[in-house]
Amino acid sequence: MPHTASRYLAEGRRVGLRHFTYDDAAEFTARARESKDLHHPWLFPPDTPAAYAAYAQRLIEDPAKAGFLVCEKEADGALAGFVNINNIVEGGFLCGALGYGAFAHAAGRGLMREALDLVVRYAFGPMRLHRLEINVQPGNAASIALARTCGFRKEGFSPKMLYIDGAWRDHERWALTSEMLAGDG
């Protein structure tokens, strides 16, 4: 029987990762609108076609960004969430900053844990990064729990770090290195 290539960059038992495309606008924006209550006040993914086009363009065309759609394999690839690596720095730093969100229908099912593990392995493997960072508002218990369970360690606190929802917000800084993932750090 011939081997068929996966449609995913990386895949686990329940989810697969693939890059954003412009054709994902309708499903992504519908999921974002359905998830407004879950995301507020932490996250504001694009929920209109125009906003999605601008967002996807940055993730597709900017070499300092990599965007991954989390697809639920048992649901024929339906979007369950997203994980982006932003501010990718090469050279001696080899680092990127993670941002992520589950869509409401997928929240609390462990899909993002599986997806974040896949992104970490992809970032430290094919992307050859050394360090990933997550900046989380202190009150976002779900995001902090996800960072912790995926092996990230809390490294500090940054007051008024990011402008979100009309104000400068404090953030905890979490990080993971390739050595930590390998058990050497």
N, C-alpha and C. Protein backbone atom coordinates (compact mmCIF):
# COMPACT_ATOMS: atom_id res chain seq x y z
N MET A 1 0.85 -1.17 0.00
CA MET A 1 0.00 0.00 0.00
C MET A 1 0.89 1.24 0.00
N PRO A 2 0.68 2.19 -0.90
CA PRO A 2 1.53 3.39 -0.96
C PRO A 2 1.28 4.28 0.26
N HIS A 3 2.37 4.92 0.69
CA HIS A 3 2.28 5.85 1.81
C HIS A 3 1.73 7.19 1.31
N THR A 4 0.77 7.73 2.03
CA THR A 4 0.23 9.04 1.67
C THR A 4 0.81 10.07 2.62
N ALA A 5 1.24 11.18 2.07
CA ALA A 5 1.83 12.25 2.87
C ALA A 5 0.76 12.90 3.74
N SER A 6 1.15 13.25 4.95
CA SER A 6 0.24 13.92 5.86
C SER A 6 -0.02 15.34 5.39
N ARG A 7 -1.19 15.83 5.68
CA ARG A 7 -1.49 17.23 5.36
C ARG A 7 -1.01 18.15 6.47
N TYR A 8 -0.41 17.58 7.51
CA TYR A 8 0.03 18.35 8.67
C TYR A 8 1.56 18.44 8.74
N LEU A 9 2.04 19.55 9.30
CA LEU A 9 3.47 19.73 9.55
C LEU A 9 3.93 18.83 10.69
N ALA A 10 3.05 18.67 11.65
CA ALA A 10 3.29 17.80 12.81
C ALA A 10 1.92 17.30 13.26
N GLU A 11 1.89 16.10 13.80
CA GLU A 11 0.61 15.60 14.28
C GLU A 11 0.79 14.71 15.48
N GLY A 12 -0.21 14.79 16.33
CA GLY A 12 -0.28 13.95 17.50
C GLY A 12 -1.45 13.00 17.36
N ARG A 13 -1.87 12.45 18.48
CA ARG A 13 -2.96 11.48 18.46
C ARG A 13 -4.27 12.12 18.02
N ARG A 14 -4.55 13.35 18.52
CA ARG A 14 -5.86 13.97 18.24
C ARG A 14 -5.79 15.23 17.39
N VAL A 15 -4.62 15.87 17.30
CA VAL A 15 -4.54 17.11 16.53
C VAL A 15 -3.39 17.08 15.54
N GLY A 16 -3.53 17.91 14.52
CA GLY A 16 -2.47 18.14 13.56
C GLY A 16 -2.24 19.63 13.45
N LEU A 17 -1.03 20.02 13.11
CA LEU A 17 -0.69 21.43 12.92
C LEU A 17 -0.46 21.69 11.45
N ARG A 18 -0.98 22.82 10.98
CA ARG A 18 -0.66 23.27 9.63
C ARG A 18 -0.57 24.78 9.65
N HIS A 19 0.05 25.32 8.62
CA HIS A 19 0.19 26.78 8.54
C HIS A 19 -1.15 27.43 8.18
N PHE A 20 -1.28 28.69 8.51
CA PHE A 20 -2.43 29.50 8.11
C PHE A 20 -2.45 29.63 6.59
N THR A 21 -3.65 29.73 6.04
CA THR A 21 -3.82 30.08 4.63
C THR A 21 -4.90 31.16 4.58
N TYR A 22 -4.95 31.88 3.47
CA TYR A 22 -5.99 32.89 3.31
C TYR A 22 -7.36 32.23 3.21
N ASP A 23 -7.41 30.99 2.73
CA ASP A 23 -8.68 30.27 2.57
C ASP A 23 -9.32 29.87 3.90
N ASP A 24 -8.60 30.02 5.00
CA ASP A 24 -9.14 29.66 6.32
C ASP A 24 -10.00 30.77 6.94
N ALA A 25 -10.16 31.88 6.25
CA ALA A 25 -10.83 33.04 6.83
C ALA A 25 -12.23 32.74 7.36
N ALA A 26 -13.07 32.10 6.59
CA ALA A 26 -14.47 31.89 7.00
C ALA A 26 -14.55 31.05 8.28
N GLU A 27 -13.83 29.92 8.31
CA GLU A 27 -13.90 29.07 9.49
C GLU A 27 -13.24 29.74 10.70
N PHE A 28 -12.07 30.36 10.50
CA PHE A 28 -11.37 30.99 11.61
C PHE A 28 -12.21 32.11 12.24
N THR A 29 -12.75 32.98 11.41
CA THR A 29 -13.52 34.11 11.95
C THR A 29 -14.81 33.66 12.61
N ALA A 30 -15.45 32.63 12.07
CA ALA A 30 -16.65 32.09 12.72
C ALA A 30 -16.30 31.53 14.10
N ARG A 31 -15.21 30.79 14.20
CA ARG A 31 -14.77 30.23 15.48
C ARG A 31 -14.38 31.35 16.45
N ALA A 32 -13.74 32.40 15.95
CA ALA A 32 -13.37 33.53 16.81
C ALA A 32 -14.62 34.22 17.36
N ARG A 33 -15.63 34.40 16.53
CA ARG A 33 -16.87 35.04 17.00
C ARG A 33 -17.56 34.16 18.05
N GLU A 34 -17.57 32.84 17.83
CA GLU A 34 -18.18 31.91 18.79
C GLU A 34 -17.42 31.90 20.12
N SER A 35 -16.17 32.33 20.12
CA SER A 35 -15.29 32.20 21.29
C SER A 35 -15.04 33.52 22.01
N LYS A 36 -15.77 34.57 21.65
CA LYS A 36 -15.52 35.89 22.26
C LYS A 36 -15.57 35.85 23.78
N ASP A 37 -16.55 35.19 24.36
CA ASP A 37 -16.66 35.14 25.82
C ASP A 37 -15.49 34.40 26.45
N LEU A 38 -15.02 33.35 25.81
CA LEU A 38 -13.88 32.60 26.31
C LEU A 38 -12.61 33.45 26.26
N HIS A 39 -12.41 34.18 25.19
CA HIS A 39 -11.17 34.92 24.98
C HIS A 39 -11.09 36.23 25.76
N HIS A 40 -12.20 36.89 25.97
CA HIS A 40 -12.17 38.20 26.63
C HIS A 40 -11.86 38.04 28.12
N PRO A 41 -10.98 38.81 28.69
CA PRO A 41 -10.25 39.98 28.19
C PRO A 41 -8.82 39.70 27.76
N TRP A 42 -8.48 38.44 27.52
CA TRP A 42 -7.09 38.08 27.28
C TRP A 42 -6.66 38.18 25.82
N LEU A 43 -7.57 37.91 24.92
CA LEU A 43 -7.19 37.64 23.54
C LEU A 43 -8.27 38.15 22.61
N PHE A 44 -7.86 38.67 21.45
CA PHE A 44 -8.81 39.22 20.49
C PHE A 44 -8.43 38.78 19.07
N PRO A 45 -8.65 37.51 18.77
CA PRO A 45 -8.32 37.05 17.41
C PRO A 45 -9.25 37.70 16.38
N PRO A 46 -8.81 37.79 15.14
CA PRO A 46 -9.62 38.46 14.12
C PRO A 46 -10.95 37.74 13.89
N ASP A 47 -12.02 38.55 13.82
CA ASP A 47 -13.35 37.96 13.66
C ASP A 47 -14.11 38.50 12.46
N THR A 48 -13.39 39.18 11.57
CA THR A 48 -13.98 39.63 10.31
C THR A 48 -13.03 39.20 9.18
N PRO A 49 -13.55 39.07 7.97
CA PRO A 49 -12.67 38.69 6.86
C PRO A 49 -11.50 39.66 6.65
N ALA A 50 -11.74 40.95 6.76
CA ALA A 50 -10.67 41.93 6.55
C ALA A 50 -9.61 41.82 7.64
N ALA A 51 -10.04 41.68 8.89
CA ALA A 51 -9.08 41.54 9.99
C ALA A 51 -8.29 40.25 9.85
N TYR A 52 -8.97 39.17 9.44
CA TYR A 52 -8.27 37.91 9.24
C TYR A 52 -7.24 38.03 8.13
N ALA A 53 -7.57 38.67 7.04
CA ALA A 53 -6.64 38.80 5.91
C ALA A 53 -5.36 39.50 6.34
N ALA A 54 -5.49 40.57 7.13
CA ALA A 54 -4.30 41.29 7.61
C ALA A 54 -3.49 40.43 8.57
N TYR A 55 -4.18 39.73 9.46
CA TYR A 55 -3.54 38.85 10.45
C TYR A 55 -2.81 37.70 9.75
N ALA A 56 -3.49 37.03 8.85
CA ALA A 56 -2.89 35.90 8.13
C ALA A 56 -1.71 36.37 7.28
N GLN A 57 -1.83 37.53 6.67
CA GLN A 57 -0.74 38.04 5.84
C GLN A 57 0.55 38.18 6.66
N ARG A 58 0.43 38.71 7.88
CA ARG A 58 1.62 38.84 8.74
C ARG A 58 2.21 37.47 9.06
N LEU A 59 1.35 36.51 9.38
CA LEU A 59 1.84 35.18 9.73
C LEU A 59 2.42 34.42 8.54
N ILE A 60 1.89 34.67 7.38
CA ILE A 60 2.34 33.98 6.17
C ILE A 60 3.60 34.62 5.59
N GLU A 61 3.66 35.94 5.60
CA GLU A 61 4.73 36.63 4.87
C GLU A 61 5.88 37.13 5.72
N ASP A 62 5.70 37.35 7.00
CA ASP A 62 6.76 37.90 7.85
C ASP A 62 7.65 36.77 8.36
N PRO A 63 8.94 36.77 8.00
CA PRO A 63 9.82 35.68 8.46
C PRO A 63 10.06 35.68 9.97
N ALA A 64 9.67 36.74 10.67
CA ALA A 64 9.80 36.79 12.13
C ALA A 64 8.56 36.23 12.82
N LYS A 65 7.67 35.59 12.05
CA LYS A 65 6.45 35.00 12.61
C LYS A 65 6.20 33.64 11.97
N ALA A 66 5.60 32.76 12.74
CA ALA A 66 5.15 31.47 12.21
C ALA A 66 3.81 31.16 12.87
N GLY A 67 2.81 30.94 12.06
CA GLY A 67 1.47 30.66 12.59
C GLY A 67 1.06 29.23 12.30
N PHE A 68 0.46 28.60 13.31
CA PHE A 68 0.02 27.21 13.18
C PHE A 68 -1.45 27.10 13.57
N LEU A 69 -2.22 26.49 12.70
CA LEU A 69 -3.61 26.19 13.02
C LEU A 69 -3.66 24.81 13.66
N VAL A 70 -4.41 24.70 14.73
CA VAL A 70 -4.59 23.44 15.43
C VAL A 70 -5.85 22.81 14.86
N CYS A 71 -5.70 21.66 14.25
CA CYS A 71 -6.80 20.99 13.56
C CYS A 71 -7.15 19.69 14.27
N GLU A 72 -8.42 19.50 14.50
CA GLU A 72 -8.90 18.30 15.19
C GLU A 72 -9.03 17.17 14.17
N LYS A 73 -8.21 16.16 14.30
CA LYS A 73 -8.15 15.09 13.31
C LYS A 73 -9.47 14.32 13.20
N GLU A 74 -10.12 14.02 14.32
CA GLU A 74 -11.37 13.25 14.28
C GLU A 74 -12.53 14.05 13.72
N ALA A 75 -12.38 15.36 13.65
CA ALA A 75 -13.45 16.22 13.11
C ALA A 75 -13.08 16.70 11.71
N ASP A 76 -12.39 15.84 10.95
CA ASP A 76 -12.03 16.14 9.57
C ASP A 76 -11.23 17.43 9.43
N GLY A 77 -10.36 17.71 10.41
CA GLY A 77 -9.47 18.87 10.32
C GLY A 77 -10.07 20.18 10.77
N ALA A 78 -11.21 20.14 11.45
CA ALA A 78 -11.84 21.37 11.92
C ALA A 78 -10.89 22.14 12.83
N LEU A 79 -10.93 23.47 12.74
CA LEU A 79 -10.04 24.30 13.55
C LEU A 79 -10.44 24.24 15.01
N ALA A 80 -9.47 23.90 15.87
CA ALA A 80 -9.67 23.84 17.31
C ALA A 80 -8.99 25.00 18.02
N GLY A 81 -8.04 25.64 17.36
CA GLY A 81 -7.31 26.75 17.95
C GLY A 81 -6.13 27.13 17.08
N PHE A 82 -5.21 27.88 17.68
CA PHE A 82 -4.04 28.36 16.94
C PHE A 82 -2.90 28.59 17.91
N VAL A 83 -1.69 28.48 17.39
CA VAL A 83 -0.47 28.79 18.14
C VAL A 83 0.43 29.56 17.19
N ASN A 84 0.88 30.73 17.61
CA ASN A 84 1.76 31.54 16.79
C ASN A 84 3.10 31.71 17.50
N ILE A 85 4.15 31.72 16.72
CA ILE A 85 5.47 32.09 17.23
C ILE A 85 5.77 33.46 16.65
N ASN A 86 5.85 34.44 17.52
CA ASN A 86 6.08 35.83 17.12
C ASN A 86 7.48 36.27 17.52
N ASN A 87 7.93 37.35 16.93
CA ASN A 87 9.22 37.96 17.28
C ASN A 87 10.35 36.95 17.23
N ILE A 88 10.39 36.17 16.18
CA ILE A 88 11.46 35.18 16.03
C ILE A 88 12.76 35.93 15.76
N VAL A 89 13.75 35.63 16.58
CA VAL A 89 15.07 36.25 16.45
C VAL A 89 16.08 35.14 16.16
N GLU A 90 16.86 35.34 15.14
CA GLU A 90 17.87 34.34 14.78
C GLU A 90 19.22 34.76 15.36
N GLY A 91 20.29 34.23 14.82
CA GLY A 91 21.63 34.55 15.31
C GLY A 91 21.90 33.88 16.64
N GLY A 92 22.47 34.62 17.57
CA GLY A 92 22.84 34.07 18.86
C GLY A 92 21.68 33.86 19.81
N PHE A 93 20.50 34.37 19.48
CA PHE A 93 19.35 34.28 20.39
C PHE A 93 18.47 33.06 20.07
N LEU A 94 18.11 32.86 18.83
CA LEU A 94 17.27 31.74 18.38
C LEU A 94 16.05 31.55 19.28
N CYS A 95 15.26 32.59 19.36
CA CYS A 95 14.13 32.62 20.29
C CYS A 95 12.88 33.11 19.58
N GLY A 96 11.73 32.74 20.13
CA GLY A 96 10.45 33.24 19.66
C GLY A 96 9.47 33.32 20.82
N ALA A 97 8.46 34.17 20.67
CA ALA A 97 7.44 34.36 21.70
C ALA A 97 6.13 33.72 21.25
N LEU A 98 5.59 32.84 22.07
CA LEU A 98 4.37 32.11 21.73
C LEU A 98 3.12 32.89 22.12
N GLY A 99 2.13 32.80 21.26
CA GLY A 99 0.78 33.25 21.56
C GLY A 99 -0.16 32.15 21.12
N TYR A 100 -1.25 31.93 21.85
CA TYR A 100 -2.12 30.81 21.49
C TYR A 100 -3.53 31.04 22.00
N GLY A 101 -4.45 30.30 21.42
CA GLY A 101 -5.83 30.35 21.86
C GLY A 101 -6.59 29.13 21.36
N ALA A 102 -7.43 28.61 22.22
CA ALA A 102 -8.35 27.53 21.84
C ALA A 102 -9.66 28.17 21.43
N PHE A 103 -10.37 27.54 20.54
CA PHE A 103 -11.73 27.99 20.24
C PHE A 103 -12.67 27.32 21.23
N ALA A 104 -13.79 27.97 21.49
CA ALA A 104 -14.69 27.56 22.58
C ALA A 104 -15.09 26.09 22.51
N HIS A 105 -15.40 25.57 21.33
CA HIS A 105 -15.84 24.18 21.23
C HIS A 105 -14.74 23.19 21.60
N ALA A 106 -13.48 23.64 21.60
CA ALA A 106 -12.35 22.75 21.88
C ALA A 106 -11.74 22.98 23.26
N ALA A 107 -12.16 24.02 23.94
CA ALA A 107 -11.55 24.38 25.23
C ALA A 107 -11.78 23.28 26.27
N GLY A 108 -10.75 23.05 27.08
CA GLY A 108 -10.87 22.10 28.18
C GLY A 108 -10.80 20.64 27.79
N ARG A 109 -10.44 20.36 26.55
CA ARG A 109 -10.40 18.97 26.08
C ARG A 109 -8.99 18.43 25.91
N GLY A 110 -7.97 19.21 26.27
CA GLY A 110 -6.59 18.77 26.16
C GLY A 110 -5.99 18.92 24.77
N LEU A 111 -6.74 19.46 23.84
CA LEU A 111 -6.25 19.59 22.47
C LEU A 111 -5.11 20.61 22.38
N MET A 112 -5.23 21.71 23.13
CA MET A 112 -4.18 22.72 23.09
C MET A 112 -2.91 22.23 23.76
N ARG A 113 -3.02 21.41 24.76
CA ARG A 113 -1.83 20.82 25.39
C ARG A 113 -1.07 20.00 24.35
N GLU A 114 -1.79 19.16 23.63
CA GLU A 114 -1.17 18.35 22.59
C GLU A 114 -0.57 19.24 21.51
N ALA A 115 -1.30 20.28 21.12
CA ALA A 115 -0.83 21.19 20.07
C ALA A 115 0.41 21.96 20.51
N LEU A 116 0.41 22.46 21.73
CA LEU A 116 1.56 23.23 22.19
C LEU A 116 2.80 22.33 22.27
N ASP A 117 2.63 21.11 22.71
CA ASP A 117 3.76 20.16 22.70
C ASP A 117 4.29 19.97 21.28
N LEU A 118 3.40 19.86 20.30
CA LEU A 118 3.82 19.69 18.91
C LEU A 118 4.56 20.93 18.40
N VAL A 119 4.05 22.12 18.73
CA VAL A 119 4.70 23.36 18.29
C VAL A 119 6.09 23.47 18.91
N VAL A 120 6.21 23.14 20.19
CA VAL A 120 7.51 23.20 20.86
C VAL A 120 8.50 22.28 20.14
N ARG A 121 8.10 21.07 19.87
CA ARG A 121 8.99 20.13 19.19
C ARG A 121 9.33 20.59 17.76
N TYR A 122 8.37 21.17 17.09
CA TYR A 122 8.62 21.70 15.75
C TYR A 122 9.57 22.89 15.81
N ALA A 123 9.37 23.76 16.78
CA ALA A 123 10.23 24.95 16.93
C ALA A 123 11.67 24.55 17.26
N PHE A 124 11.84 23.57 18.14
CA PHE A 124 13.18 23.14 18.53
C PHE A 124 13.79 22.16 17.52
N GLY A 125 12.96 21.61 16.64
CA GLY A 125 13.44 20.70 15.61
C GLY A 125 13.67 21.43 14.30
N PRO A 126 12.71 21.33 13.36
CA PRO A 126 12.89 21.92 12.04
C PRO A 126 13.18 23.44 12.03
N MET A 127 12.62 24.18 12.98
CA MET A 127 12.86 25.63 13.00
C MET A 127 14.20 25.98 13.66
N ARG A 128 14.78 25.05 14.40
CA ARG A 128 16.09 25.20 15.02
C ARG A 128 16.16 26.34 16.03
N LEU A 129 15.05 26.62 16.71
CA LEU A 129 15.07 27.62 17.78
C LEU A 129 15.66 26.98 19.04
N HIS A 130 16.12 27.81 19.94
CA HIS A 130 16.70 27.35 21.20
C HIS A 130 15.80 27.67 22.39
N ARG A 131 15.01 28.73 22.28
CA ARG A 131 14.23 29.21 23.42
C ARG A 131 12.86 29.68 22.94
N LEU A 132 11.82 29.36 23.72
CA LEU A 132 10.48 29.88 23.48
C LEU A 132 10.00 30.56 24.74
N GLU A 133 9.30 31.66 24.57
CA GLU A 133 8.78 32.42 25.70
C GLU A 133 7.27 32.57 25.57
N ILE A 134 6.62 32.62 26.72
CA ILE A 134 5.18 32.88 26.79
C ILE A 134 4.99 34.00 27.80
N ASN A 135 4.28 35.04 27.41
CA ASN A 135 3.94 36.14 28.31
C ASN A 135 2.45 36.06 28.59
N VAL A 136 2.09 35.94 29.89
CA VAL A 136 0.72 35.67 30.28
C VAL A 136 0.27 36.66 31.35
N GLN A 137 -0.94 37.20 31.19
CA GLN A 137 -1.49 38.05 32.24
C GLN A 137 -1.72 37.19 33.49
N PRO A 138 -1.35 37.71 34.66
CA PRO A 138 -1.43 36.91 35.90
C PRO A 138 -2.79 36.29 36.18
N GLY A 139 -3.87 36.90 35.76
CA GLY A 139 -5.20 36.36 36.02
C GLY A 139 -5.65 35.29 35.05
N ASN A 140 -4.88 35.01 34.03
CA ASN A 140 -5.26 34.04 33.01
C ASN A 140 -4.83 32.64 33.45
N ALA A 141 -5.58 32.07 34.37
CA ALA A 141 -5.22 30.79 34.99
C ALA A 141 -5.09 29.66 33.97
N ALA A 142 -5.96 29.61 32.97
CA ALA A 142 -5.91 28.53 31.98
C ALA A 142 -4.61 28.59 31.17
N SER A 143 -4.21 29.78 30.77
CA SER A 143 -2.98 29.92 29.99
C SER A 143 -1.75 29.61 30.82
N ILE A 144 -1.75 30.03 32.06
CA ILE A 144 -0.63 29.73 32.96
C ILE A 144 -0.54 28.22 33.18
N ALA A 145 -1.67 27.57 33.40
CA ALA A 145 -1.68 26.11 33.60
C ALA A 145 -1.15 25.40 32.36
N LEU A 146 -1.51 25.88 31.18
CA LEU A 146 -1.02 25.26 29.95
C LEU A 146 0.50 25.41 29.84
N ALA A 147 1.00 26.60 30.10
CA ALA A 147 2.46 26.82 30.05
C ALA A 147 3.17 25.90 31.03
N ARG A 148 2.67 25.83 32.24
CA ARG A 148 3.29 25.00 33.29
C ARG A 148 3.27 23.52 32.90
N THR A 149 2.13 23.02 32.45
CA THR A 149 2.04 21.59 32.14
C THR A 149 2.87 21.21 30.91
N CYS A 150 3.19 22.19 30.07
CA CYS A 150 4.04 21.92 28.90
C CYS A 150 5.52 22.11 29.22
N GLY A 151 5.85 22.32 30.47
CA GLY A 151 7.25 22.37 30.89
C GLY A 151 7.89 23.74 30.94
N PHE A 152 7.13 24.78 30.67
CA PHE A 152 7.70 26.13 30.76
C PHE A 152 7.90 26.48 32.24
N ARG A 153 8.94 27.26 32.52
CA ARG A 153 9.18 27.71 33.90
C ARG A 153 8.97 29.23 33.97
N LYS A 154 8.45 29.65 35.10
CA LYS A 154 8.23 31.07 35.32
C LYS A 154 9.58 31.73 35.58
N GLU A 155 9.86 32.78 34.80
CA GLU A 155 11.14 33.46 34.93
C GLU A 155 11.02 34.87 35.51
N GLY A 156 9.82 35.41 35.51
CA GLY A 156 9.73 36.76 36.04
C GLY A 156 8.38 37.40 35.84
N PHE A 157 8.34 38.68 36.15
CA PHE A 157 7.13 39.48 36.10
C PHE A 157 7.48 40.80 35.43
N SER A 158 6.66 41.21 34.47
CA SER A 158 6.88 42.47 33.76
C SER A 158 5.66 43.36 33.92
N PRO A 159 5.77 44.42 34.73
CA PRO A 159 4.62 45.33 34.90
C PRO A 159 4.34 46.11 33.61
N LYS A 160 3.06 46.27 33.33
CA LYS A 160 2.60 47.07 32.18
C LYS A 160 3.37 46.74 30.90
N MET A 161 3.42 45.45 30.58
CA MET A 161 4.23 44.97 29.47
C MET A 161 3.58 45.14 28.10
N LEU A 162 2.29 44.76 27.98
CA LEU A 162 1.61 44.79 26.69
C LEU A 162 0.31 45.58 26.78
N TYR A 163 0.01 46.26 25.67
CA TYR A 163 -1.23 47.04 25.60
C TYR A 163 -2.33 46.14 25.06
N ILE A 164 -3.29 45.78 25.93
CA ILE A 164 -4.36 44.86 25.58
C ILE A 164 -5.68 45.39 26.12
N ASP A 165 -6.70 45.39 25.31
CA ASP A 165 -8.05 45.79 25.73
C ASP A 165 -8.06 47.16 26.39
N GLY A 166 -7.32 48.10 25.79
CA GLY A 166 -7.37 49.49 26.23
C GLY A 166 -6.49 49.87 27.40
N ALA A 167 -5.59 49.00 27.84
CA ALA A 167 -4.71 49.34 28.96
C ALA A 167 -3.41 48.55 28.88
N TRP A 168 -2.38 49.07 29.52
CA TRP A 168 -1.12 48.36 29.64
C TRP A 168 -1.29 47.30 30.72
N ARG A 169 -0.99 46.06 30.38
CA ARG A 169 -1.24 44.92 31.27
C ARG A 169 0.07 44.29 31.77
N ASP A 170 0.04 43.92 33.04
CA ASP A 170 1.15 43.17 33.63
C ASP A 170 1.17 41.76 33.03
N HIS A 171 2.36 41.17 32.99
CA HIS A 171 2.51 39.81 32.47
C HIS A 171 3.54 39.02 33.26
N GLU A 172 3.28 37.74 33.42
CA GLU A 172 4.29 36.82 33.90
C GLU A 172 5.05 36.33 32.68
N ARG A 173 6.36 36.12 32.85
CA ARG A 173 7.19 35.61 31.76
C ARG A 173 7.54 34.15 32.04
N TRP A 174 7.22 33.29 31.08
CA TRP A 174 7.49 31.86 31.16
C TRP A 174 8.40 31.50 29.99
N ALA A 175 9.29 30.54 30.17
CA ALA A 175 10.21 30.17 29.09
C ALA A 175 10.54 28.69 29.14
N LEU A 176 10.96 28.19 27.98
CA LEU A 176 11.41 26.81 27.82
C LEU A 176 12.57 26.83 26.83
N THR A 177 13.63 26.10 27.12
CA THR A 177 14.75 25.97 26.19
C THR A 177 14.81 24.53 25.68
N SER A 178 15.55 24.36 24.60
CA SER A 178 15.69 23.02 24.04
C SER A 178 16.35 22.09 25.06
N GLU A 179 17.27 22.60 25.89
CA GLU A 179 17.90 21.76 26.91
C GLU A 179 16.89 21.32 27.96
N MET A 180 16.00 22.21 28.34
CA MET A 180 14.97 21.86 29.33
C MET A 180 14.08 20.75 28.78
N LEU A 181 13.72 20.85 27.52
CA LEU A 181 12.87 19.82 26.91
C LEU A 181 13.59 18.48 26.87
N ALA A 182 14.90 18.53 26.64
CA ALA A 182 15.68 17.30 26.56
C ALA A 182 16.06 16.76 27.95
N GLY A 183 15.72 17.54 29.01
CA GLY A 183 16.05 17.11 30.37
C GLY A 183 17.46 17.48 30.79
N ASP A 184 18.11 18.38 30.02
CA ASP A 184 19.48 18.80 30.33
C ASP A 184 19.56 20.19 30.93
N GLY A 185 18.43 20.78 31.24
CA GLY A 185 18.52 22.17 31.67
C GLY A 185 17.58 22.46 32.75
